[in-house]
């Protein structure tokens, strides 16, 4: 496939929150025809997401926060119910990032992570890869209030909800975040809770 893509050039359109690039390239189709194509690619650091679940209580930890793209799209006044997640800081491993984000967002200290997958959420536009995890928690793992970092302008509501209720929230379209749906269904398929 690599010999079908030639003369790649990139122009940065914006580098405000993340980098938006206009990438042009010659693409050789299977029929031998070559066409010059231009696409936009958006993204910043790769990300992580984790679903915390309590096998004893059958609860999961979710968060609710404002997302401007959802607001602009006119969906749920911009508020999204999601798993814990965030960007991987430079020189951080995905696992270290998950542990940090979990403390910042929901106030839990976790250390036993189970890797689920590394995915692209929107491969036609986004270059960000997201590392997905699940982690069991106990009530005593709650060490801080959570709620996000004021320095990052985060205001996160921590939600502890029954697993079956969370699955129903998918059916009711209260949960529409792809990472959250995938991880809840992973728990269901693998009967972890």
N, C-alpha and C. Protein backbone atom coordinates (compact mmCIF):
# COMPACT_ATOMS: atom_id res chain seq x y z
N UNK A 1 0.82 -1.20 0.00
CA UNK A 1 0.00 0.00 0.00
C UNK A 1 0.87 1.26 0.00
N UNK A 2 2.02 1.23 0.65
CA UNK A 2 2.83 2.45 0.77
C UNK A 2 3.28 2.96 -0.59
N UNK A 3 3.46 2.09 -1.58
CA UNK A 3 3.86 2.58 -2.89
C UNK A 3 2.69 3.18 -3.67
N UNK A 4 1.49 3.13 -3.10
CA UNK A 4 0.32 3.74 -3.75
C UNK A 4 0.11 5.17 -3.30
N UNK A 5 0.87 5.61 -2.30
CA UNK A 5 0.75 6.97 -1.79
C UNK A 5 2.08 7.67 -2.00
N UNK A 6 2.07 8.77 -2.77
CA UNK A 6 3.30 9.46 -3.12
C UNK A 6 3.12 10.97 -2.99
N UNK A 7 4.25 11.68 -2.94
CA UNK A 7 4.26 13.15 -2.96
C UNK A 7 3.37 13.75 -1.87
N UNK A 8 3.59 13.30 -0.66
CA UNK A 8 2.79 13.79 0.47
C UNK A 8 3.31 15.15 0.92
N UNK A 9 2.40 16.10 1.05
CA UNK A 9 2.76 17.41 1.58
C UNK A 9 1.72 17.80 2.62
N UNK A 10 2.16 18.62 3.59
CA UNK A 10 1.28 18.99 4.67
C UNK A 10 1.39 20.48 4.95
N UNK A 11 0.25 21.10 5.22
CA UNK A 11 0.21 22.52 5.57
C UNK A 11 -0.60 22.65 6.85
N UNK A 12 -0.03 23.27 7.88
CA UNK A 12 -0.74 23.47 9.13
C UNK A 12 -1.73 24.63 8.97
N UNK A 13 -3.00 24.34 9.20
CA UNK A 13 -4.07 25.33 9.08
C UNK A 13 -4.27 26.04 10.43
N UNK A 14 -4.22 25.27 11.51
CA UNK A 14 -4.39 25.82 12.85
C UNK A 14 -3.62 24.95 13.83
N UNK A 15 -3.12 25.56 14.89
CA UNK A 15 -2.43 24.82 15.94
C UNK A 15 -2.84 25.38 17.30
N UNK A 16 -4.14 25.71 17.44
CA UNK A 16 -4.64 26.34 18.65
C UNK A 16 -4.82 25.32 19.78
N UNK A 17 -5.81 24.46 19.68
CA UNK A 17 -6.05 23.42 20.68
C UNK A 17 -5.34 22.14 20.31
N UNK A 18 -5.46 21.80 19.05
CA UNK A 18 -4.76 20.67 18.46
C UNK A 18 -4.36 21.11 17.06
N UNK A 19 -3.62 20.28 16.38
CA UNK A 19 -3.14 20.65 15.06
C UNK A 19 -4.15 20.23 13.99
N UNK A 20 -4.52 21.18 13.14
CA UNK A 20 -5.34 20.90 11.97
C UNK A 20 -4.44 21.06 10.76
N UNK A 21 -4.25 19.96 10.03
CA UNK A 21 -3.38 19.96 8.86
C UNK A 21 -4.18 19.68 7.60
N UNK A 22 -3.75 20.31 6.53
CA UNK A 22 -4.27 19.98 5.21
C UNK A 22 -3.19 19.14 4.54
N UNK A 23 -3.51 17.88 4.28
CA UNK A 23 -2.54 16.94 3.74
C UNK A 23 -2.93 16.60 2.31
N UNK A 24 -1.98 16.82 1.39
CA UNK A 24 -2.20 16.49 -0.02
C UNK A 24 -1.28 15.35 -0.41
N UNK A 25 -1.74 14.49 -1.31
CA UNK A 25 -0.94 13.34 -1.72
C UNK A 25 -1.48 12.80 -3.04
N UNK A 26 -0.59 12.12 -3.76
CA UNK A 26 -1.00 11.41 -4.97
C UNK A 26 -1.36 9.99 -4.56
N UNK A 27 -2.58 9.57 -4.94
CA UNK A 27 -3.05 8.23 -4.59
C UNK A 27 -3.22 7.42 -5.86
N UNK A 28 -2.58 6.26 -5.89
CA UNK A 28 -2.69 5.36 -7.04
C UNK A 28 -3.79 4.36 -6.75
N UNK A 29 -4.88 4.42 -7.53
CA UNK A 29 -5.99 3.50 -7.36
C UNK A 29 -5.63 2.13 -7.93
N UNK A 30 -6.42 1.12 -7.58
CA UNK A 30 -6.16 -0.25 -8.04
C UNK A 30 -6.18 -0.36 -9.56
N UNK A 31 -6.94 0.52 -10.22
CA UNK A 31 -7.01 0.47 -11.68
C UNK A 31 -5.82 1.17 -12.35
N UNK A 32 -4.87 1.67 -11.53
CA UNK A 32 -3.67 2.32 -12.06
C UNK A 32 -3.77 3.82 -12.18
N UNK A 33 -4.95 4.38 -12.05
CA UNK A 33 -5.14 5.83 -12.15
C UNK A 33 -4.57 6.52 -10.91
N UNK A 34 -3.89 7.63 -11.11
CA UNK A 34 -3.36 8.43 -10.01
C UNK A 34 -4.14 9.72 -9.91
N UNK A 35 -4.51 10.07 -8.68
CA UNK A 35 -5.26 11.30 -8.47
C UNK A 35 -4.65 12.04 -7.28
N UNK A 36 -4.57 13.36 -7.39
CA UNK A 36 -4.10 14.21 -6.30
C UNK A 36 -5.28 14.45 -5.36
N UNK A 37 -5.13 14.05 -4.10
CA UNK A 37 -6.19 14.19 -3.11
C UNK A 37 -5.74 15.11 -1.98
N UNK A 38 -6.68 15.78 -1.37
CA UNK A 38 -6.39 16.63 -0.22
C UNK A 38 -7.42 16.33 0.87
N UNK A 39 -6.92 16.10 2.06
CA UNK A 39 -7.77 15.82 3.22
C UNK A 39 -7.32 16.69 4.38
N UNK A 40 -8.20 16.85 5.36
CA UNK A 40 -7.83 17.51 6.60
C UNK A 40 -7.65 16.45 7.68
N UNK A 41 -6.62 16.64 8.49
CA UNK A 41 -6.31 15.73 9.59
C UNK A 41 -6.22 16.56 10.85
N UNK A 42 -6.91 16.11 11.90
CA UNK A 42 -6.96 16.88 13.14
C UNK A 42 -6.55 15.99 14.30
N UNK A 43 -5.86 16.57 15.25
CA UNK A 43 -5.54 15.82 16.46
C UNK A 43 -4.41 16.43 17.26
N UNK A 44 -4.26 15.90 18.46
CA UNK A 44 -3.16 16.28 19.32
C UNK A 44 -2.58 14.99 19.88
N UNK A 45 -2.24 14.98 21.14
CA UNK A 45 -1.69 13.78 21.74
C UNK A 45 -2.71 12.65 21.69
N UNK A 46 -2.21 11.42 21.70
CA UNK A 46 -3.11 10.29 21.81
C UNK A 46 -3.81 10.35 23.17
N UNK A 47 -4.88 9.58 23.31
CA UNK A 47 -5.68 9.66 24.51
C UNK A 47 -5.87 8.32 25.20
N UNK A 48 -6.51 8.40 26.35
CA UNK A 48 -6.84 7.20 27.13
C UNK A 48 -8.29 7.31 27.59
N UNK A 49 -8.88 6.18 27.89
CA UNK A 49 -10.21 6.13 28.49
C UNK A 49 -10.29 4.87 29.34
N UNK A 50 -10.96 4.99 30.50
CA UNK A 50 -11.08 3.83 31.39
C UNK A 50 -12.47 3.82 32.01
N UNK A 51 -13.02 2.62 32.11
CA UNK A 51 -14.28 2.42 32.80
C UNK A 51 -13.99 1.72 34.12
N UNK A 52 -14.32 2.39 35.21
CA UNK A 52 -14.18 1.80 36.54
C UNK A 52 -15.44 1.02 36.86
N UNK A 53 -15.27 -0.21 37.39
CA UNK A 53 -16.42 -1.04 37.74
C UNK A 53 -16.17 -1.72 39.08
N UNK A 54 -17.23 -1.87 39.85
CA UNK A 54 -17.15 -2.49 41.16
C UNK A 54 -17.86 -3.83 41.09
N UNK A 55 -17.11 -4.95 41.10
CA UNK A 55 -17.75 -6.26 41.00
C UNK A 55 -18.69 -6.58 42.17
N UNK A 56 -18.44 -5.99 43.34
CA UNK A 56 -19.27 -6.28 44.51
C UNK A 56 -20.61 -5.55 44.46
N UNK A 57 -20.56 -4.26 44.18
CA UNK A 57 -21.80 -3.46 44.18
C UNK A 57 -22.49 -3.44 42.82
N UNK A 58 -21.79 -3.88 41.79
CA UNK A 58 -22.29 -3.87 40.40
C UNK A 58 -22.49 -2.44 39.89
N UNK A 59 -21.67 -1.52 40.40
CA UNK A 59 -21.72 -0.13 39.96
C UNK A 59 -20.56 0.20 39.04
N UNK A 60 -20.73 1.27 38.27
CA UNK A 60 -19.67 1.80 37.42
C UNK A 60 -19.54 3.29 37.72
N UNK A 61 -18.35 3.82 37.46
CA UNK A 61 -18.10 5.24 37.64
C UNK A 61 -18.08 5.91 36.27
N UNK A 62 -18.94 6.90 36.11
CA UNK A 62 -19.01 7.69 34.88
C UNK A 62 -18.84 9.16 35.26
N UNK A 63 -18.75 9.99 34.27
CA UNK A 63 -18.64 11.43 34.52
C UNK A 63 -19.57 12.16 33.56
N UNK A 64 -19.94 13.36 33.95
CA UNK A 64 -20.76 14.21 33.09
C UNK A 64 -20.04 15.53 32.96
N UNK A 65 -19.82 15.95 31.72
CA UNK A 65 -19.14 17.22 31.50
C UNK A 65 -19.58 17.86 30.19
N UNK A 66 -19.29 19.15 30.11
CA UNK A 66 -19.67 19.93 28.94
C UNK A 66 -18.68 19.69 27.80
N UNK A 67 -19.19 19.48 26.59
CA UNK A 67 -18.38 19.28 25.39
C UNK A 67 -18.89 20.24 24.31
N UNK A 68 -18.07 21.22 23.95
CA UNK A 68 -18.50 22.23 22.98
C UNK A 68 -18.90 21.65 21.63
N UNK A 69 -18.24 20.61 21.09
CA UNK A 69 -18.72 20.07 19.81
C UNK A 69 -20.16 19.55 19.89
N UNK A 70 -20.54 18.95 21.02
CA UNK A 70 -21.92 18.49 21.17
C UNK A 70 -22.87 19.68 21.25
N UNK A 71 -22.45 20.73 21.91
CA UNK A 71 -23.27 21.94 22.02
C UNK A 71 -23.49 22.55 20.64
N UNK A 72 -22.42 22.67 19.87
CA UNK A 72 -22.51 23.23 18.51
C UNK A 72 -23.42 22.37 17.64
N UNK A 73 -23.37 21.05 17.86
CA UNK A 73 -24.22 20.13 17.10
C UNK A 73 -25.66 20.15 17.59
N UNK A 74 -25.92 20.86 18.70
CA UNK A 74 -27.28 20.94 19.23
C UNK A 74 -27.73 19.68 19.94
N UNK A 75 -26.78 18.96 20.55
CA UNK A 75 -27.09 17.69 21.20
C UNK A 75 -26.92 17.80 22.72
N UNK A 76 -27.98 17.54 23.45
CA UNK A 76 -27.98 17.45 24.91
C UNK A 76 -27.40 18.68 25.60
N UNK A 77 -27.61 19.85 25.01
CA UNK A 77 -27.08 21.10 25.55
C UNK A 77 -25.57 21.05 25.78
N UNK A 78 -24.91 20.10 25.11
CA UNK A 78 -23.46 20.00 25.19
C UNK A 78 -22.94 19.12 26.31
N UNK A 79 -23.82 18.51 27.09
CA UNK A 79 -23.36 17.69 28.22
C UNK A 79 -23.32 16.22 27.83
N UNK A 80 -22.19 15.59 28.15
CA UNK A 80 -21.93 14.21 27.77
C UNK A 80 -21.67 13.36 29.00
N UNK A 81 -22.27 12.18 29.04
CA UNK A 81 -21.97 11.19 30.08
C UNK A 81 -20.94 10.24 29.49
N UNK A 82 -19.81 10.12 30.20
CA UNK A 82 -18.65 9.42 29.63
C UNK A 82 -17.88 8.66 30.70
N UNK A 83 -16.97 7.84 30.21
CA UNK A 83 -15.95 7.24 31.06
C UNK A 83 -14.87 8.27 31.34
N UNK A 84 -13.99 7.98 32.26
CA UNK A 84 -12.83 8.83 32.52
C UNK A 84 -11.94 8.81 31.28
N UNK A 85 -11.40 9.96 30.92
CA UNK A 85 -10.50 9.98 29.75
C UNK A 85 -9.74 11.28 29.66
N UNK A 86 -8.76 11.26 28.78
CA UNK A 86 -7.98 12.47 28.57
C UNK A 86 -6.80 12.21 27.67
N UNK A 87 -6.01 13.26 27.51
CA UNK A 87 -4.83 13.19 26.64
C UNK A 87 -3.63 12.67 27.42
N UNK A 88 -2.78 11.94 26.71
CA UNK A 88 -1.54 11.46 27.30
C UNK A 88 -0.54 12.60 27.27
N UNK A 89 -0.01 12.95 28.43
CA UNK A 89 1.01 14.01 28.51
C UNK A 89 2.32 13.52 27.90
N UNK A 90 3.15 14.44 27.40
CA UNK A 90 4.46 14.05 26.88
C UNK A 90 5.25 13.26 27.93
N UNK A 91 5.94 12.25 27.51
CA UNK A 91 6.76 11.35 28.33
C UNK A 91 5.94 10.48 29.28
N UNK A 92 4.63 10.42 29.11
CA UNK A 92 3.76 9.59 29.94
C UNK A 92 3.39 8.32 29.17
N UNK A 93 3.29 7.21 29.86
CA UNK A 93 2.75 5.99 29.24
C UNK A 93 1.23 6.08 29.31
N UNK A 94 0.53 5.32 28.46
CA UNK A 94 -0.94 5.31 28.56
C UNK A 94 -1.41 4.90 29.95
N UNK A 95 -0.74 3.93 30.56
CA UNK A 95 -1.16 3.46 31.88
C UNK A 95 -1.00 4.55 32.93
N UNK A 96 0.12 5.26 32.91
CA UNK A 96 0.33 6.37 33.85
C UNK A 96 -0.72 7.45 33.64
N UNK A 97 -1.05 7.71 32.40
CA UNK A 97 -2.06 8.72 32.07
C UNK A 97 -3.43 8.32 32.63
N UNK A 98 -3.80 7.05 32.48
CA UNK A 98 -5.09 6.57 32.99
C UNK A 98 -5.17 6.77 34.50
N UNK A 99 -4.11 6.41 35.20
CA UNK A 99 -4.09 6.55 36.66
C UNK A 99 -4.22 8.01 37.06
N UNK A 100 -3.47 8.90 36.39
CA UNK A 100 -3.53 10.34 36.67
C UNK A 100 -4.93 10.90 36.39
N UNK A 101 -5.46 10.60 35.20
CA UNK A 101 -6.78 11.12 34.81
C UNK A 101 -7.88 10.64 35.76
N UNK A 102 -7.77 9.40 36.22
CA UNK A 102 -8.78 8.85 37.13
C UNK A 102 -8.79 9.63 38.45
N UNK A 103 -7.62 9.95 38.99
CA UNK A 103 -7.55 10.75 40.22
C UNK A 103 -8.11 12.15 39.98
N UNK A 104 -7.70 12.78 38.87
CA UNK A 104 -8.14 14.15 38.59
C UNK A 104 -9.64 14.24 38.36
N UNK A 105 -10.17 13.33 37.57
CA UNK A 105 -11.58 13.46 37.15
C UNK A 105 -12.58 12.92 38.15
N UNK A 106 -12.28 11.75 38.74
CA UNK A 106 -13.29 11.14 39.62
C UNK A 106 -12.79 10.85 41.03
N UNK A 107 -11.50 11.07 41.30
CA UNK A 107 -10.97 10.96 42.65
C UNK A 107 -10.63 9.56 43.13
N UNK A 108 -10.53 8.60 42.21
CA UNK A 108 -10.20 7.24 42.61
C UNK A 108 -8.74 6.92 42.31
N UNK A 109 -8.15 6.12 43.20
CA UNK A 109 -6.80 5.61 42.99
C UNK A 109 -6.91 4.17 42.50
N UNK A 110 -6.53 3.95 41.26
CA UNK A 110 -6.60 2.59 40.69
C UNK A 110 -5.19 2.14 40.34
N UNK A 111 -4.99 0.82 40.33
CA UNK A 111 -3.67 0.32 39.95
C UNK A 111 -3.72 -0.98 39.15
N UNK A 112 -4.86 -1.62 39.08
CA UNK A 112 -4.99 -2.84 38.30
C UNK A 112 -5.78 -2.56 37.02
N UNK A 113 -5.06 -2.24 35.95
CA UNK A 113 -5.70 -1.91 34.68
C UNK A 113 -5.75 -3.14 33.78
N UNK A 114 -6.82 -3.24 33.03
CA UNK A 114 -6.94 -4.28 32.01
C UNK A 114 -7.10 -3.59 30.67
N UNK A 115 -6.14 -3.82 29.77
CA UNK A 115 -6.17 -3.20 28.44
C UNK A 115 -7.28 -3.86 27.62
N UNK A 116 -8.07 -3.04 26.95
CA UNK A 116 -9.15 -3.54 26.09
C UNK A 116 -8.73 -3.45 24.63
N UNK A 117 -8.29 -2.26 24.19
CA UNK A 117 -7.93 -2.06 22.78
C UNK A 117 -7.33 -0.67 22.61
N UNK A 118 -6.72 -0.46 21.46
CA UNK A 118 -6.32 0.88 21.03
C UNK A 118 -7.09 1.14 19.75
N UNK A 119 -7.82 2.26 19.72
CA UNK A 119 -8.76 2.51 18.63
C UNK A 119 -8.60 3.91 18.05
N UNK A 120 -9.12 4.09 16.86
CA UNK A 120 -9.35 5.39 16.26
C UNK A 120 -10.86 5.63 16.35
N UNK A 121 -11.27 6.78 16.88
CA UNK A 121 -12.70 7.07 17.00
C UNK A 121 -13.30 7.60 15.71
N UNK A 122 -12.52 8.32 14.94
CA UNK A 122 -12.99 8.87 13.68
C UNK A 122 -11.83 8.88 12.69
N UNK A 123 -11.45 7.72 12.14
CA UNK A 123 -10.23 7.61 11.33
C UNK A 123 -10.26 8.41 10.03
N UNK A 124 -11.41 8.89 9.63
CA UNK A 124 -11.48 9.72 8.43
C UNK A 124 -11.04 11.15 8.67
N UNK A 125 -10.90 11.55 9.93
CA UNK A 125 -10.54 12.93 10.26
C UNK A 125 -9.51 13.03 11.37
N UNK A 126 -9.62 12.19 12.39
CA UNK A 126 -8.79 12.32 13.59
C UNK A 126 -7.59 11.38 13.54
N UNK A 127 -6.41 11.92 13.93
CA UNK A 127 -5.22 11.06 14.00
C UNK A 127 -5.00 10.51 15.40
N UNK A 128 -5.81 10.95 16.37
CA UNK A 128 -5.68 10.51 17.75
C UNK A 128 -6.07 9.04 17.90
N UNK A 129 -5.18 8.28 18.56
CA UNK A 129 -5.49 6.92 18.96
C UNK A 129 -5.87 6.96 20.44
N UNK A 130 -6.87 6.18 20.81
CA UNK A 130 -7.32 6.14 22.20
C UNK A 130 -7.09 4.74 22.75
N UNK A 131 -6.38 4.67 23.88
CA UNK A 131 -6.10 3.41 24.56
C UNK A 131 -7.21 3.18 25.58
N UNK A 132 -7.96 2.09 25.40
CA UNK A 132 -9.11 1.79 26.24
C UNK A 132 -8.76 0.77 27.32
N UNK A 133 -9.27 1.01 28.52
CA UNK A 133 -9.02 0.14 29.67
C UNK A 133 -10.30 -0.03 30.48
N UNK A 134 -10.32 -1.09 31.28
CA UNK A 134 -11.28 -1.23 32.37
C UNK A 134 -10.46 -1.46 33.64
N UNK A 135 -11.05 -1.09 34.78
CA UNK A 135 -10.36 -1.28 36.06
C UNK A 135 -11.39 -1.48 37.16
N UNK A 136 -11.18 -2.52 37.95
CA UNK A 136 -12.05 -2.75 39.10
C UNK A 136 -11.70 -1.74 40.19
N UNK A 137 -12.72 -1.32 40.95
CA UNK A 137 -12.48 -0.42 42.07
C UNK A 137 -13.29 -0.88 43.27
N UNK A 138 -12.87 -0.41 44.44
CA UNK A 138 -13.59 -0.61 45.69
C UNK A 138 -13.89 0.76 46.27
N UNK A 139 -14.86 0.84 47.16
CA UNK A 139 -15.23 2.13 47.75
C UNK A 139 -14.03 2.81 48.41
N UNK A 140 -13.15 2.02 49.04
CA UNK A 140 -12.00 2.61 49.72
C UNK A 140 -10.94 3.16 48.77
N UNK A 141 -11.09 2.93 47.48
CA UNK A 141 -10.17 3.51 46.48
C UNK A 141 -10.46 4.99 46.22
N UNK A 142 -11.57 5.48 46.75
CA UNK A 142 -11.92 6.90 46.60
C UNK A 142 -11.04 7.69 47.56
N UNK A 143 -10.12 8.51 46.99
CA UNK A 143 -9.16 9.24 47.83
C UNK A 143 -9.32 10.75 47.72
N UNK A 144 -10.01 11.21 46.71
CA UNK A 144 -10.21 12.64 46.49
C UNK A 144 -11.63 12.86 45.99
N UNK A 145 -12.04 14.11 45.96
CA UNK A 145 -13.38 14.46 45.50
C UNK A 145 -13.55 14.22 44.00
N UNK A 146 -12.48 14.48 43.21
CA UNK A 146 -12.61 14.43 41.76
C UNK A 146 -13.21 15.72 41.24
N UNK A 147 -13.69 15.69 40.03
CA UNK A 147 -14.32 16.87 39.45
C UNK A 147 -13.47 17.59 38.43
N UNK A 148 -12.24 17.10 38.19
CA UNK A 148 -11.38 17.72 37.19
C UNK A 148 -10.48 18.78 37.78
N UNK A 149 -9.68 19.37 36.92
CA UNK A 149 -8.72 20.40 37.34
C UNK A 149 -9.21 21.78 36.93
N UNK A 150 -9.25 22.69 37.89
CA UNK A 150 -9.62 24.07 37.59
C UNK A 150 -8.61 24.69 36.62
N UNK A 151 -7.34 24.29 36.73
CA UNK A 151 -6.30 24.82 35.84
C UNK A 151 -6.52 24.43 34.39
N UNK A 152 -7.33 23.38 34.16
CA UNK A 152 -7.66 22.95 32.80
C UNK A 152 -9.11 23.31 32.46
N UNK A 153 -9.71 24.18 33.28
CA UNK A 153 -11.10 24.62 33.10
C UNK A 153 -12.06 23.44 33.01
N UNK A 154 -11.82 22.44 33.87
CA UNK A 154 -12.70 21.27 33.90
C UNK A 154 -13.72 21.41 35.02
N UNK A 155 -14.94 21.01 34.73
CA UNK A 155 -15.99 20.92 35.74
C UNK A 155 -16.72 19.61 35.46
N UNK A 156 -16.35 18.59 36.23
CA UNK A 156 -16.82 17.23 35.97
C UNK A 156 -17.69 16.75 37.12
N UNK A 157 -18.87 16.28 36.79
CA UNK A 157 -19.76 15.67 37.78
C UNK A 157 -19.48 14.17 37.80
N UNK A 158 -19.16 13.65 38.97
CA UNK A 158 -18.87 12.22 39.12
C UNK A 158 -20.18 11.48 39.34
N UNK A 159 -20.41 10.44 38.53
CA UNK A 159 -21.63 9.65 38.61
C UNK A 159 -21.28 8.21 38.94
N UNK A 160 -21.82 7.69 40.03
CA UNK A 160 -21.71 6.27 40.33
C UNK A 160 -23.08 5.68 40.09
N UNK A 161 -23.16 4.76 39.15
CA UNK A 161 -24.46 4.23 38.75
C UNK A 161 -24.40 2.71 38.60
N UNK A 162 -25.53 2.09 38.76
CA UNK A 162 -25.64 0.65 38.58
C UNK A 162 -25.32 0.30 37.13
N UNK A 163 -24.62 -0.80 36.95
CA UNK A 163 -24.21 -1.24 35.62
C UNK A 163 -25.39 -1.43 34.68
N UNK A 164 -26.46 -2.08 35.15
CA UNK A 164 -27.63 -2.29 34.29
C UNK A 164 -28.30 -0.97 33.93
N UNK A 165 -28.29 -0.02 34.86
CA UNK A 165 -28.83 1.30 34.56
C UNK A 165 -27.98 2.00 33.49
N UNK A 166 -26.66 1.81 33.57
CA UNK A 166 -25.77 2.41 32.56
C UNK A 166 -26.05 1.81 31.19
N UNK A 167 -26.27 0.51 31.13
CA UNK A 167 -26.62 -0.12 29.84
C UNK A 167 -27.93 0.45 29.31
N UNK A 168 -28.89 0.68 30.20
CA UNK A 168 -30.17 1.26 29.79
C UNK A 168 -29.97 2.69 29.26
N UNK A 169 -28.98 3.40 29.82
CA UNK A 169 -28.68 4.76 29.37
C UNK A 169 -28.19 4.76 27.92
N UNK A 170 -27.60 3.66 27.49
CA UNK A 170 -27.22 3.53 26.06
C UNK A 170 -28.50 3.41 25.24
N UNK A 171 -29.39 2.54 25.68
CA UNK A 171 -30.66 2.32 24.97
C UNK A 171 -31.49 3.61 24.89
N UNK A 172 -31.46 4.39 25.97
CA UNK A 172 -32.23 5.65 26.02
C UNK A 172 -31.51 6.80 25.34
N UNK A 173 -30.33 6.55 24.82
CA UNK A 173 -29.48 7.55 24.18
C UNK A 173 -29.08 8.67 25.14
N UNK A 174 -29.01 8.35 26.44
CA UNK A 174 -28.42 9.28 27.40
C UNK A 174 -26.90 9.22 27.29
N UNK A 175 -26.38 8.02 27.03
CA UNK A 175 -24.95 7.83 26.78
C UNK A 175 -24.79 7.68 25.28
N UNK A 176 -24.04 8.63 24.67
CA UNK A 176 -23.82 8.58 23.22
C UNK A 176 -22.33 8.67 22.87
N UNK A 177 -21.48 8.63 23.88
CA UNK A 177 -20.03 8.66 23.67
C UNK A 177 -19.56 7.26 23.27
N UNK A 178 -18.86 7.15 22.15
CA UNK A 178 -18.45 5.85 21.61
C UNK A 178 -17.56 5.07 22.57
N UNK A 179 -16.61 5.74 23.21
CA UNK A 179 -15.70 5.04 24.14
C UNK A 179 -16.49 4.41 25.28
N UNK A 180 -17.45 5.16 25.79
CA UNK A 180 -18.24 4.70 26.92
C UNK A 180 -19.10 3.51 26.52
N UNK A 181 -19.72 3.59 25.36
CA UNK A 181 -20.54 2.48 24.88
C UNK A 181 -19.68 1.23 24.69
N UNK A 182 -18.52 1.39 24.07
CA UNK A 182 -17.64 0.23 23.84
C UNK A 182 -17.22 -0.42 25.15
N UNK A 183 -16.85 0.40 26.13
CA UNK A 183 -16.35 -0.17 27.39
C UNK A 183 -17.47 -0.79 28.22
N UNK A 184 -18.65 -0.19 28.23
CA UNK A 184 -19.78 -0.82 28.92
C UNK A 184 -20.13 -2.16 28.26
N UNK A 185 -20.14 -2.20 26.94
CA UNK A 185 -20.43 -3.45 26.25
C UNK A 185 -19.32 -4.47 26.45
N UNK A 186 -18.08 -4.01 26.59
CA UNK A 186 -16.97 -4.93 26.89
C UNK A 186 -17.21 -5.62 28.24
N UNK A 187 -17.61 -4.84 29.26
CA UNK A 187 -17.93 -5.44 30.56
C UNK A 187 -19.04 -6.47 30.43
N UNK A 188 -20.05 -6.13 29.64
CA UNK A 188 -21.20 -7.02 29.45
C UNK A 188 -20.78 -8.30 28.72
N UNK A 189 -20.06 -8.16 27.63
CA UNK A 189 -19.66 -9.33 26.83
C UNK A 189 -18.76 -10.27 27.63
N UNK A 190 -17.83 -9.68 28.38
CA UNK A 190 -16.87 -10.50 29.14
C UNK A 190 -17.35 -10.84 30.56
N UNK A 191 -18.61 -10.45 30.86
CA UNK A 191 -19.24 -10.77 32.13
C UNK A 191 -18.33 -10.44 33.33
N UNK A 192 -17.77 -9.23 33.29
CA UNK A 192 -16.89 -8.81 34.38
C UNK A 192 -17.67 -8.25 35.56
N UNK A 193 -18.94 -7.97 35.34
CA UNK A 193 -19.76 -7.43 36.43
C UNK A 193 -21.16 -8.05 36.38
